[in-house]
C-alpha atoms as a PDB file:
ATOM      1  CA  MET A   1      18.821 -18.368 -75.205  1.00  0.00           C
ATOM      2  CA  LYS A   2      14.965 -18.450 -74.812  1.00  0.00           C
ATOM      3  CA  ARG A   3      15.441 -19.000 -71.070  1.00  0.00           C
ATOM      4  CA  TRP A   4      17.441 -15.787 -70.795  1.00  0.00           C
ATOM      5  CA  ILE A   5      14.848 -13.767 -72.753  1.00  0.00           C
ATOM      6  CA  LEU A   6      12.054 -15.204 -70.450  1.00  0.00           C
ATOM      7  CA  LEU A   7      14.079 -14.320 -67.300  1.00  0.00           C
ATOM      8  CA  PHE A   8      14.682 -10.766 -68.589  1.00  0.00           C
ATOM      9  CA  VAL A   9      10.930 -10.238 -69.231  1.00  0.00           C
ATOM     10  CA  LEU A  10       9.992 -11.538 -65.799  1.00  0.00           C
ATOM     11  CA  PHE A  11      12.656  -9.154 -64.234  1.00  0.00           C
ATOM     12  CA  LEU A  12      11.079  -6.218 -66.114  1.00  0.00           C
ATOM     13  CA  ILE A  13       7.636  -7.211 -64.776  1.00  0.00           C
ATOM     14  CA  TYR A  14       8.939  -7.587 -61.286  1.00  0.00           C
ATOM     15  CA  LEU A  15      10.583  -4.099 -61.287  1.00  0.00           C
ATOM     16  CA  ASN A  16       7.590  -2.467 -62.837  1.00  0.00           C
ATOM     17  CA  GLY A  17       5.366  -3.867 -60.009  1.00  0.00           C
ATOM     18  CA  TYR A  18       7.613  -2.947 -57.129  1.00  0.00           C
ATOM     19  CA  SER A  19       9.523   0.187 -58.195  1.00  0.00           C
ATOM     20  CA  GLN A  20       8.851   3.791 -58.634  1.00  0.00           C
ATOM     21  CA  ASN A  21      12.168   4.424 -60.318  1.00  0.00           C
ATOM     22  CA  LEU A  22      12.341   2.420 -63.557  1.00  0.00           C
ATOM     23  CA  GLY A  23      13.139   3.160 -67.119  1.00  0.00           C
ATOM     24  CA  ILE A  24      13.330   0.976 -70.265  1.00  0.00           C
ATOM     25  CA  LYS A  25      15.623   1.837 -73.212  1.00  0.00           C
ATOM     26  CA  SER A  26      16.844   1.023 -76.673  1.00  0.00           C
ATOM     27  CA  ASN A  27      20.335   1.679 -78.012  1.00  0.00           C
ATOM     28  CA  LEU A  28      20.047   3.520 -81.414  1.00  0.00           C
ATOM     29  CA  LEU A  29      23.611   2.553 -82.356  1.00  0.00           C
ATOM     30  CA  TYR A  30      22.806  -1.177 -81.991  1.00  0.00           C
ATOM     31  CA  ASP A  31      19.457  -0.527 -83.834  1.00  0.00           C
ATOM     32  CA  ALA A  32      21.504   0.754 -86.795  1.00  0.00           C
ATOM     33  CA  THR A  33      23.338  -2.575 -87.010  1.00  0.00           C
ATOM     34  CA  SER A  34      20.016  -4.501 -87.053  1.00  0.00           C
ATOM     35  CA  THR A  35      20.643  -5.713 -83.554  1.00  0.00           C
ATOM     36  CA  ILE A  36      17.550  -6.225 -81.452  1.00  0.00           C
ATOM     37  CA  ASN A  37      18.241  -4.685 -78.013  1.00  0.00           C
ATOM     38  CA  LEU A  38      16.360  -3.873 -74.838  1.00  0.00           C
ATOM     39  CA  GLY A  39      17.603  -2.375 -71.603  1.00  0.00           C
ATOM     40  CA  VAL A  40      16.117  -1.679 -68.135  1.00  0.00           C
ATOM     41  CA  GLU A  41      17.535   0.619 -65.477  1.00  0.00           C
ATOM     42  CA  TYR A  42      16.390   0.602 -61.823  1.00  0.00           C
ATOM     43  CA  ALA A  43      17.188   2.977 -58.984  1.00  0.00           C
ATOM     44  CA  LEU A  44      18.749   1.474 -55.845  1.00  0.00           C
ATOM     45  CA  SER A  45      19.137   4.811 -54.050  1.00  0.00           C
ATOM     46  CA  ASP A  46      19.266   8.553 -54.809  1.00  0.00           C
ATOM     47  CA  LYS A  47      22.725   8.142 -56.499  1.00  0.00           C
ATOM     48  CA  LEU A  48      22.989   4.417 -57.387  1.00  0.00           C
ATOM     49  CA  THR A  49      21.185   2.532 -60.223  1.00  0.00           C
ATOM     50  CA  VAL A  50      21.589  -0.841 -61.852  1.00  0.00           C
ATOM     51  CA  ASP A  51      21.332  -1.209 -65.649  1.00  0.00           C
ATOM     52  CA  ILE A  52      20.886  -4.412 -67.504  1.00  0.00           C
ATOM     53  CA  SER A  53      20.965  -4.579 -71.365  1.00  0.00           C
ATOM     54  CA  MET A  54      20.453  -7.519 -73.695  1.00  0.00           C
ATOM     55  CA  ASN A  55      21.296  -7.635 -77.409  1.00  0.00           C
ATOM     56  CA  LEU A  56      20.392 -10.238 -80.026  1.00  0.00           C
ATOM     57  CA  ASN A  57      21.294 -10.329 -83.785  1.00  0.00           C
ATOM     58  CA  PRO A  58      20.052 -13.466 -85.478  1.00  0.00           C
ATOM     59  CA  TRP A  59      20.264 -12.215 -89.037  1.00  0.00           C
ATOM     60  CA  ALA A  60      22.344 -13.183 -92.087  1.00  0.00           C
ATOM     61  CA  PHE A  61      22.831 -10.895 -95.093  1.00  0.00           C
ATOM     62  CA  PRO A  62      22.802 -12.606 -98.525  1.00  0.00           C
ATOM     63  CA  HIS A  63      25.521 -11.676-100.881  1.00  0.00           C
ATOM     64  CA  GLN A  64      26.358 -12.762-104.471  1.00  0.00           C
ATOM     65  CA  ARG A  65      29.978 -13.038-105.525  1.00  0.00           C
ATOM     66  CA  ILE A  66      30.373 -12.215-109.226  1.00  0.00           C
ATOM     67  CA  SER A  67      33.086 -13.781-111.414  1.00  0.00           C
ATOM     68  CA  PRO A  68      35.190 -11.567-113.814  1.00  0.00           C
ATOM     69  CA  SER A  69      32.964 -12.886-116.701  1.00  0.00           C
ATOM     70  CA  GLY A  70      29.904 -11.430-114.925  1.00  0.00           C
ATOM     71  CA  THR A  71      28.318 -14.775-113.862  1.00  0.00           C
ATOM     72  CA  VAL A  72      27.334 -15.566-110.327  1.00  0.00           C
ATOM     73  CA  ARG A  73      29.846 -17.993-108.774  1.00  0.00           C
ATOM     74  CA  PHE A  74      27.889 -18.653-105.542  1.00  0.00           C
ATOM     75  CA  GLU A  75      26.007 -17.039-102.799  1.00  0.00           C
ATOM     76  CA  HIS A  76      27.071 -16.651 -99.181  1.00  0.00           C
ATOM     77  CA  ASP A  77      25.779 -14.866 -96.140  1.00  0.00           C
ATOM     78  CA  ALA A  78      27.598 -12.098 -94.362  1.00  0.00           C
ATOM     79  CA  ILE A  79      26.826 -12.654 -90.713  1.00  0.00           C
ATOM     80  CA  ILE A  80      27.111 -10.709 -87.508  1.00  0.00           C
ATOM     81  CA  LYS A  81      25.067 -13.138 -85.388  1.00  0.00           C
ATOM     82  CA  HIS A  82      25.474 -12.763 -81.672  1.00  0.00           C
ATOM     83  CA  TRP A  83      23.818 -12.364 -78.274  1.00  0.00           C
ATOM     84  CA  MET A  84      25.127 -10.549 -75.227  1.00  0.00           C
ATOM     85  CA  ILE A  85      23.931  -9.509 -71.789  1.00  0.00           C
ATOM     86  CA  GLN A  86      25.604  -6.538 -69.985  1.00  0.00           C
ATOM     87  CA  PRO A  87      24.700  -5.750 -66.397  1.00  0.00           C
ATOM     88  CA  GLU A  88      26.117  -2.467 -64.949  1.00  0.00           C
ATOM     89  CA  VAL A  89      26.051  -0.627 -61.614  1.00  0.00           C
ATOM     90  CA  ARG A  90      26.024   3.210 -61.967  1.00  0.00           C
ATOM     91  CA  TRP A  91      26.991   6.002 -59.587  1.00  0.00           C
ATOM     92  CA  TRP A  92      25.464   9.402 -60.364  1.00  0.00           C
ATOM     93  CA  LEU A  93      27.303  12.592 -59.637  1.00  0.00           C
ATOM     94  CA  CYS A  94      24.096  14.775 -59.197  1.00  0.00           C
ATOM     95  CA  GLU A  95      21.004  12.539 -58.861  1.00  0.00           C
ATOM     96  CA  LYS A  96      19.805   9.336 -60.426  1.00  0.00           C
ATOM     97  CA  PHE A  97      18.605   9.623 -64.056  1.00  0.00           C
ATOM     98  CA  ASN A  98      20.056  13.109 -64.369  1.00  0.00           C
ATOM     99  CA  GLY A  99      23.412  14.257 -65.740  1.00  0.00           C
ATOM    100  CA  HIS A 100      26.775  12.522 -65.423  1.00  0.00           C
ATOM    101  CA  PHE A 101      27.381   9.003 -64.226  1.00  0.00           C
ATOM    102  CA  PHE A 102      30.131   6.483 -63.874  1.00  0.00           C
ATOM    103  CA  GLY A 103      29.551   2.699 -64.127  1.00  0.00           C
ATOM    104  CA  ALA A 104      31.204  -0.687 -63.815  1.00  0.00           C
ATOM    105  CA  HIS A 105      29.882  -3.454 -66.002  1.00  0.00           C
ATOM    106  CA  LEU A 106      30.205  -7.105 -66.935  1.00  0.00           C
ATOM    107  CA  HIS A 107      29.522  -8.744 -70.303  1.00  0.00           C
ATOM    108  CA  SER A 108      29.000 -12.185 -71.551  1.00  0.00           C
ATOM    109  CA  GLY A 109      27.762 -13.575 -74.888  1.00  0.00           C
ATOM    110  CA  LYS A 110      28.242 -15.678 -77.986  1.00  0.00           C
ATOM    111  CA  PHE A 111      29.157 -14.666 -81.483  1.00  0.00           C
ATOM    112  CA  ASN A 112      29.217 -16.043 -85.161  1.00  0.00           C
ATOM    113  CA  VAL A 113      30.615 -13.392 -87.347  1.00  0.00           C
ATOM    114  CA  GLY A 114      32.212 -13.482 -90.810  1.00  0.00           C
ATOM    115  CA  GLY A 115      32.240 -12.655 -94.481  1.00  0.00           C
ATOM    116  CA  LEU A 116      31.947  -8.919 -93.954  1.00  0.00           C
ATOM    117  CA  THR A 117      33.294  -7.952 -97.337  1.00  0.00           C
ATOM    118  CA  PHE A 118      32.090  -4.308 -96.859  1.00  0.00           C
ATOM    119  CA  LEU A 119      34.919  -3.714 -94.432  1.00  0.00           C
ATOM    120  CA  PRO A 120      38.171  -2.099 -95.657  1.00  0.00           C
ATOM    121  CA  LYS A 121      40.634  -4.385 -97.376  1.00  0.00           C
ATOM    122  CA  GLY A 122      43.190  -3.528 -94.719  1.00  0.00           C
ATOM    123  CA  TYR A 123      41.653  -6.302 -92.590  1.00  0.00           C
ATOM    124  CA  GLY A 124      43.526  -8.807 -94.736  1.00  0.00           C
ATOM    125  CA  ASP A 125      43.128 -12.513 -95.419  1.00  0.00           C
ATOM    126  CA  GLU A 126      43.332 -13.414 -91.726  1.00  0.00           C
ATOM    127  CA  GLY A 127      40.573 -11.086 -90.729  1.00  0.00           C
ATOM    128  CA  ILE A 128      36.869 -10.993 -90.526  1.00  0.00           C
ATOM    129  CA  GLN A 129      36.489  -9.809 -94.108  1.00  0.00           C
ATOM    130  CA  ARG A 130      37.199 -13.276 -95.543  1.00  0.00           C
ATOM    131  CA  ASN A 131      36.960 -15.694 -92.564  1.00  0.00           C
ATOM    132  CA  ARG A 132      34.324 -16.560 -90.023  1.00  0.00           C
ATOM    133  CA  PHE A 133      34.676 -16.671 -86.259  1.00  0.00           C
ATOM    134  CA  ASP A 134      32.457 -18.705 -83.943  1.00  0.00           C
ATOM    135  CA  GLY A 135      32.789 -18.555 -80.191  1.00  0.00           C
ATOM    136  CA  TRP A 136      32.039 -16.831 -76.942  1.00  0.00           C
ATOM    137  CA  LEU A 137      33.274 -14.000 -74.773  1.00  0.00           C
ATOM    138  CA  ALA A 138      33.183 -12.663 -71.179  1.00  0.00           C
ATOM    139  CA  GLY A 139      34.751  -9.650 -69.436  1.00  0.00           C
ATOM    140  CA  THR A 140      34.291  -6.438 -67.506  1.00  0.00           C
ATOM    141  CA  GLY A 141      34.833  -2.709 -67.980  1.00  0.00           C
ATOM    142  CA  VAL A 142      34.035   0.840 -66.853  1.00  0.00           C
ATOM    143  CA  THR A 143      31.701   3.353 -68.315  1.00  0.00           C
ATOM    144  CA  TYR A 144      31.197   7.128 -68.450  1.00  0.00           C
ATOM    145  CA  GLY A 145      27.816   8.558 -69.615  1.00  0.00           C
ATOM    146  CA  TYR A 146      25.431  11.415 -69.529  1.00  0.00           C
ATOM    147  CA  HIS A 147      21.602  11.319 -69.124  1.00  0.00           C
ATOM    148  CA  TRP A 148      19.711  14.131 -70.790  1.00  0.00           C
ATOM    149  CA  ILE A 149      16.113  14.741 -69.685  1.00  0.00           C
ATOM    150  CA  LEU A 150      13.839  15.718 -72.608  1.00  0.00           C
ATOM    151  CA  THR A 151      10.374  15.452 -70.921  1.00  0.00           C
ATOM    152  CA  ASP A 152       9.006  13.983 -67.670  1.00  0.00           C
ATOM    153  CA  ARG A 153       8.990  10.601 -69.306  1.00  0.00           C
ATOM    154  CA  LEU A 154      11.435  10.713 -72.212  1.00  0.00           C
ATOM    155  CA  SER A 155      15.305  10.985 -72.045  1.00  0.00           C
ATOM    156  CA  LEU A 156      18.432  10.509 -74.040  1.00  0.00           C
ATOM    157  CA  GLU A 157      21.517   8.765 -72.778  1.00  0.00           C
ATOM    158  CA  PHE A 158      25.035   8.892 -74.173  1.00  0.00           C
ATOM    159  CA  SER A 159      27.561   6.275 -72.858  1.00  0.00           C
ATOM    160  CA  LEU A 160      31.068   4.978 -73.669  1.00  0.00           C
ATOM    161  CA  GLY A 161      32.907   2.143 -71.903  1.00  0.00           C
ATOM    162  CA  ALA A 162      36.236   0.429 -72.109  1.00  0.00           C
ATOM    163  CA  GLY A 163      37.591  -2.699 -70.488  1.00  0.00           C
ATOM    164  CA  TYR A 164      38.612  -6.302 -71.040  1.00  0.00           C
ATOM    165  CA  ALA A 165      37.108  -9.375 -72.757  1.00  0.00           C
ATOM    166  CA  TYR A 166      38.348 -12.936 -72.995  1.00  0.00           C
ATOM    167  CA  MET A 167      37.314 -14.624 -76.214  1.00  0.00           C
ATOM    168  CA  LYS A 168      37.521 -18.203 -77.199  1.00  0.00           C
ATOM    169  CA  TYR A 169      36.544 -19.298 -80.758  1.00  0.00           C
ATOM    170  CA  ASP A 170      36.856 -21.488 -83.838  1.00  0.00           C
ATOM    171  CA  LYS A 171      37.934 -20.133 -87.217  1.00  0.00           C
ATOM    172  CA  TYR A 172      36.605 -21.024 -90.690  1.00  0.00           C
ATOM    173  CA  PHE A 173      38.973 -20.102 -93.570  1.00  0.00           C
ATOM    174  CA  ASN A 174      37.991 -18.151 -96.636  1.00  0.00           C
ATOM    175  CA  TYR A 175      34.339 -17.962 -95.614  1.00  0.00           C
ATOM    176  CA  SER A 176      33.668 -15.285 -98.244  1.00  0.00           C
ATOM    177  CA  MET A 177      35.471 -17.060-101.005  1.00  0.00           C
ATOM    178  CA  VAL A 178      34.394 -20.727-100.980  1.00  0.00           C
ATOM    179  CA  GLU A 179      31.080 -22.524-100.687  1.00  0.00           C
ATOM    180  CA  ASP A 180      32.229 -24.974 -97.964  1.00  0.00           C
ATOM    181  CA  PRO A 181      34.824 -23.177 -95.871  1.00  0.00           C
ATOM    182  CA  PRO A 182      37.342 -25.441 -94.089  1.00  0.00           C
ATOM    183  CA  LYS A 183      37.610 -25.300 -90.266  1.00  0.00           C
ATOM    184  CA  ASP A 184      40.879 -24.557 -88.592  1.00  0.00           C
ATOM    185  CA  PRO A 185      41.681 -27.547 -86.361  1.00  0.00           C
ATOM    186  CA  ASN A 186      43.230 -25.103 -83.863  1.00  0.00           C
ATOM    187  CA  LYS A 187      41.221 -23.529 -80.965  1.00  0.00           C
ATOM    188  CA  TYR A 188      41.772 -19.783 -80.705  1.00  0.00           C
ATOM    189  CA  GLN A 189      41.651 -17.468 -77.729  1.00  0.00           C
ATOM    190  CA  MET A 190      42.244 -13.783 -77.403  1.00  0.00           C
ATOM    191  CA  HIS A 191      42.566 -11.233 -74.554  1.00  0.00           C
ATOM    192  CA  TYR A 192      40.947  -7.986 -75.769  1.00  0.00           C
ATOM    193  CA  PHE A 193      41.472  -4.548 -74.200  1.00  0.00           C
ATOM    194  CA  GLY A 194      39.572  -1.652 -75.664  1.00  0.00           C
ATOM    195  CA  LEU A 195      36.081  -0.378 -76.340  1.00  0.00           C
ATOM    196  CA  THR A 196      33.461  -2.574 -74.665  1.00  0.00           C
ATOM    197  CA  LYS A 197      30.354  -0.388 -74.759  1.00  0.00           C
ATOM    198  CA  ALA A 198      28.923   2.478 -76.779  1.00  0.00           C
ATOM    199  CA  GLY A 199      25.439   3.869 -76.764  1.00  0.00           C
ATOM    200  CA  ILE A 200      23.050   6.605 -77.797  1.00  0.00           C
ATOM    201  CA  SER A 201      19.876   5.435 -76.157  1.00  0.00           C
ATOM    202  CA  ILE A 202      16.297   6.547 -76.014  1.00  0.00           C
ATOM    203  CA  ILE A 203      14.780   6.004 -72.593  1.00  0.00           C
ATOM    204  CA  TYR A 204      11.188   5.907 -71.416  1.00  0.00           C
ATOM    205  CA  MET A 205      10.646   6.259 -67.679  1.00  0.00           C
ATOM    206  CA  LEU A 206       7.761   4.106 -66.367  1.00  0.00           C
ATOM    207  CA  TYR A 207       7.158   5.893 -63.021  1.00  0.00           C
END
C-alpha cells in the first residue's frame, strides 16, 4: 500500500512540473465516511482528460454491546477498512474542465468490512450488520458528470457511475455478536452490477 501512495505522489509531482492543465480534488461524500481520498485530473487534449482517484480508510469504530441487565458484555469494532484506486478517461461535451462529461473507469482495491450495526435490520443475519467480509475487488464502469466552475482556480464536480465488480472474500460469522468470530471455511465470490462511483468533489486547478 505504501508503494502505491508513493507512486501516486510522484505522479502528481510529474504532472505538476510538465502540465498546464492539472487539477487536484477531494470527494466530499468519501470525506463524510471518514475515508481519506485524493484525486488528480490531467488534460490530454481540449476534450479529453484522465482522472485518477485513490481512497483509503484505515479506521475502526469502537462499540460496546450492552446486555439486557445493563452491563457491558464486550467491545467490538465496526469497520469499513478499505483502499481503492480508480483511474478514468473522460470525454467532455464542451471543453475540458467545463460542463458535462462522460467517462470510462477501472477500479481495484481491498476491503475488510463488518459489524455495521447502525444499518437497517433488514440486512439480516447473513449481511454486513452482523458478519465481517475480508477480500478484494476489481472491475469497470461508465460515468456521467458535470464540472461547475466557481472561480479561476476553484470548481465543484458532480459525478455518478455504474458498472461491474468481481469480488472474492472470506466471511466471519456473527462478528458483531461474539468476541472471537468463527471463519467460514468456504471461499466466496460475487459478481456485482450497480453503482460503482459517486462524487461531489471540490477541485483546485493548479495551472
